[in-house]
Amino acid sequence: MSSNRQHAPHAAPGGSRPVAPPLDPVAPAPIVRIVVRPLTEILNPLISKLAGRRHFPFAAKILHVGRRSGRSYVTPAGARLSGDTIVIPLTFGNRSDWSQNVRAAGGCTIRLNGRDYAATQPEFLGVEDARPLIQSAFSPFERASFRLLGIRQLLSLHAVPASKGPVDGPHSVAVPGGTK
């Protein structure tokens, strides 16, 4: 049985910036390209304001650093915590800028249900490989939506609760690839 795991960056020769091994592309399903992507452009400004809040479990706030620009970005994404693992379904596949940024940096900062986490050790998992993790983190309804949306891959991150304070405030969290 072949594994559908694709790990985070490894050190480049000479100890310079980490280099990520090649990643097999996983594109979004047709329903996502045709229906969800246009809706995302309309709804993201509102969801971005609510993402990560304690009483808004539908989306987390992913704070990441651009792999080419070095700029800080905030992206809302569906995420769940299972033990010390944050699981994020890749609705738009592993070619999305934010997932590539997180992979290249070796982590990010995530605000989920009002709590901040330093998220490290990104790993792309196929749905089959992640079945136990999916079952522990997502409701039956959410799991059914994976099939409807054609989600074939997830991003798994090791979560460490950050110190108290806002993600983008004076108590920032240091993550690989930059400080938030």
Protein backbone atom coordinates (compact mmCIF):
# COMPACT_ATOMS: atom_id res chain seq x y z
CA MET A 1 0.00 0.00 0.00
CA SER A 2 1.53 3.30 -1.00
CA SER A 3 1.37 6.25 1.33
CA ASN A 4 -0.11 9.56 0.29
CA ARG A 5 1.90 11.57 2.84
CA GLN A 6 3.95 14.53 1.75
CA HIS A 7 6.14 16.11 4.36
CA ALA A 8 7.35 19.59 5.11
CA PRO A 9 10.64 21.13 4.02
CA HIS A 10 14.05 19.65 4.75
CA ALA A 11 17.31 21.55 5.16
CA ALA A 12 19.06 22.63 2.00
CA PRO A 13 22.73 21.77 1.47
CA GLY A 14 24.92 24.15 3.43
CA GLY A 15 22.25 24.72 6.09
CA SER A 16 20.48 27.53 4.22
CA ARG A 17 16.72 28.00 3.95
CA PRO A 18 14.72 24.73 3.97
CA VAL A 19 13.81 23.24 0.62
CA ALA A 20 10.48 21.47 0.26
CA PRO A 21 10.50 18.19 -1.65
CA PRO A 22 8.36 18.14 -4.79
CA LEU A 23 4.64 17.97 -4.08
CA ASP A 24 2.25 16.03 -6.29
CA PRO A 25 -0.35 18.62 -7.34
CA VAL A 26 -3.91 18.16 -6.09
CA ALA A 27 -6.29 20.52 -7.86
CA PRO A 28 -9.71 21.55 -6.57
CA ALA A 29 -12.74 19.57 -7.71
CA PRO A 30 -14.89 21.05 -10.52
CA ILE A 31 -17.69 22.05 -8.11
CA VAL A 32 -15.15 24.04 -6.09
CA ARG A 33 -13.72 25.76 -9.18
CA ILE A 34 -17.14 26.61 -10.60
CA VAL A 35 -19.28 27.34 -7.51
CA VAL A 36 -17.18 27.75 -4.36
CA ARG A 37 -14.30 29.87 -5.68
CA PRO A 38 -16.57 32.74 -6.89
CA LEU A 39 -18.48 32.65 -3.60
CA THR A 40 -15.18 32.77 -1.70
CA GLU A 41 -14.27 36.05 -3.38
CA ILE A 42 -17.54 37.53 -2.14
CA LEU A 43 -17.65 35.96 1.35
CA ASN A 44 -13.96 36.02 2.37
CA PRO A 45 -13.98 39.64 3.63
CA LEU A 46 -16.79 38.82 6.09
CA ILE A 47 -15.44 35.39 7.03
CA SER A 48 -11.97 36.90 7.59
CA LYS A 49 -13.43 39.20 10.25
CA LEU A 50 -15.12 36.29 12.05
CA ALA A 51 -12.53 33.54 11.51
CA GLY A 52 -10.81 32.24 14.61
CA ARG A 53 -13.28 33.73 17.06
CA ARG A 54 -14.50 31.71 20.00
CA HIS A 55 -18.11 31.45 18.86
CA PHE A 56 -17.37 31.01 15.14
CA PRO A 57 -16.25 27.39 14.73
CA PHE A 58 -16.62 27.39 10.93
CA ALA A 59 -13.25 28.96 10.11
CA ALA A 60 -9.84 29.48 11.64
CA LYS A 61 -7.54 32.43 10.98
CA ILE A 62 -4.29 31.25 9.35
CA LEU A 63 -1.44 33.76 9.67
CA HIS A 64 1.40 32.92 7.28
CA VAL A 65 4.36 34.50 5.54
CA GLY A 66 4.65 34.69 1.74
CA ARG A 67 7.37 32.37 0.51
CA ARG A 68 8.52 34.85 -2.16
CA SER A 69 7.39 38.24 -0.86
CA GLY A 70 8.07 37.77 2.85
CA ARG A 71 4.77 39.63 3.50
CA SER A 72 2.41 38.54 6.26
CA TYR A 73 -0.98 37.21 5.16
CA VAL A 74 -4.20 36.20 6.91
CA THR A 75 -6.35 33.50 5.33
CA PRO A 76 -9.58 32.01 6.69
CA ALA A 77 -9.85 28.22 6.41
CA GLY A 78 -11.94 25.45 7.91
CA ALA A 79 -9.83 23.80 10.63
CA ARG A 80 -10.34 21.53 13.59
CA LEU A 81 -8.22 20.51 16.56
CA SER A 82 -7.81 16.83 17.41
CA GLY A 83 -5.49 16.33 20.38
CA ASP A 84 -2.38 18.33 19.52
CA THR A 85 -3.03 18.24 15.78
CA ILE A 86 -4.75 20.89 13.69
CA VAL A 87 -6.45 19.41 10.61
CA ILE A 88 -7.33 21.62 7.64
CA PRO A 89 -9.23 20.19 4.65
CA LEU A 90 -7.68 21.51 1.43
CA THR A 91 -10.83 22.54 -0.42
CA PHE A 92 -8.75 24.28 -3.11
CA GLY A 93 -6.04 21.60 -3.22
CA ASN A 94 -2.41 21.79 -2.24
CA ARG A 95 -1.57 24.41 -4.88
CA SER A 96 -3.24 27.24 -2.96
CA ASP A 97 -0.80 30.02 -2.08
CA TRP A 98 -1.49 29.84 1.66
CA SER A 99 -0.85 26.07 1.88
CA GLN A 100 2.35 26.41 -0.13
CA ASN A 101 3.46 29.29 2.12
CA VAL A 102 2.82 27.25 5.27
CA ARG A 103 4.69 24.29 3.80
CA ALA A 104 7.67 26.41 2.69
CA ALA A 105 7.93 28.14 6.09
CA GLY A 106 7.51 24.93 8.07
CA GLY A 107 4.51 26.32 9.93
CA CYS A 108 2.27 29.25 10.71
CA THR A 109 0.18 30.78 13.47
CA ILE A 110 -3.45 29.75 13.74
CA ARG A 111 -6.28 31.27 15.74
CA LEU A 112 -8.93 28.61 16.28
CA ASN A 113 -11.99 28.99 18.52
CA GLY A 114 -10.50 32.09 20.15
CA ARG A 115 -7.14 30.44 20.96
CA ASP A 116 -3.81 31.03 19.31
CA TYR A 117 -1.52 28.18 18.29
CA ALA A 118 1.98 27.94 16.91
CA ALA A 119 1.42 25.34 14.18
CA THR A 120 4.48 23.45 12.96
CA GLN A 121 5.45 20.30 11.08
CA PRO A 122 3.04 20.70 8.14
CA GLU A 123 2.18 17.43 6.47
CA PHE A 124 -0.12 16.87 3.50
CA LEU A 125 -2.25 13.75 3.97
CA GLY A 126 -4.56 11.95 1.60
CA VAL A 127 -8.10 11.45 2.89
CA GLU A 128 -7.54 7.69 3.20
CA ASP A 129 -4.34 8.14 5.27
CA ALA A 130 -6.08 10.66 7.51
CA ARG A 131 -9.33 8.75 8.08
CA PRO A 132 -8.89 8.30 11.89
CA LEU A 133 -7.90 11.96 12.25
CA ILE A 134 -10.85 13.09 10.13
CA GLN A 135 -13.29 10.98 12.17
CA SER A 136 -12.01 12.42 15.45
CA ALA A 137 -12.01 16.05 14.28
CA PHE A 138 -15.07 16.40 12.01
CA SER A 139 -18.78 15.65 12.42
CA PRO A 140 -20.54 13.16 10.09
CA PHE A 141 -22.13 16.09 8.23
CA GLU A 142 -18.71 17.74 7.71
CA ARG A 143 -17.20 14.44 6.54
CA ALA A 144 -20.03 14.07 4.00
CA SER A 145 -19.21 17.55 2.68
CA PHE A 146 -15.66 16.35 1.96
CA ARG A 147 -17.11 13.96 -0.63
CA LEU A 148 -19.49 16.59 -2.03
CA LEU A 149 -16.66 19.12 -2.43
CA GLY A 150 -14.19 16.54 -3.74
CA ILE A 151 -11.67 17.14 -0.94
CA ARG A 152 -8.84 14.64 -1.43
CA GLN A 153 -6.13 16.05 0.80
CA LEU A 154 -5.69 17.67 4.21
CA LEU A 155 -3.00 19.67 5.91
CA SER A 156 -2.00 18.38 9.33
CA LEU A 157 -0.01 20.61 11.73
CA HIS A 158 1.36 20.05 15.22
CA ALA A 159 -0.35 22.60 17.50
CA VAL A 160 1.24 24.25 20.52
CA PRO A 161 -0.94 26.73 22.44
CA ALA A 162 0.61 30.19 22.24
CA SER A 163 1.02 32.61 25.11
CA LYS A 164 -2.06 34.66 25.99
CA GLY A 165 -2.70 37.73 23.92
CA PRO A 166 -4.01 38.57 20.48
CA VAL A 167 -2.41 36.97 17.43
CA ASP A 168 -1.63 40.28 15.78
CA GLY A 169 -0.97 42.25 18.95
CA PRO A 170 2.03 42.81 21.21
CA HIS A 171 2.19 39.17 22.33
CA SER A 172 3.07 37.77 18.94
CA VAL A 173 4.00 34.20 18.24
CA ALA A 174 7.27 33.27 16.56
CA VAL A 175 6.76 30.77 13.75
CA PRO A 176 9.16 29.30 11.22
CA GLY A 177 9.59 31.72 8.35
CA GLY A 178 8.84 34.85 10.38
CA THR A 179 7.33 36.34 13.49
CA LYS A 180 3.67 37.13 13.81
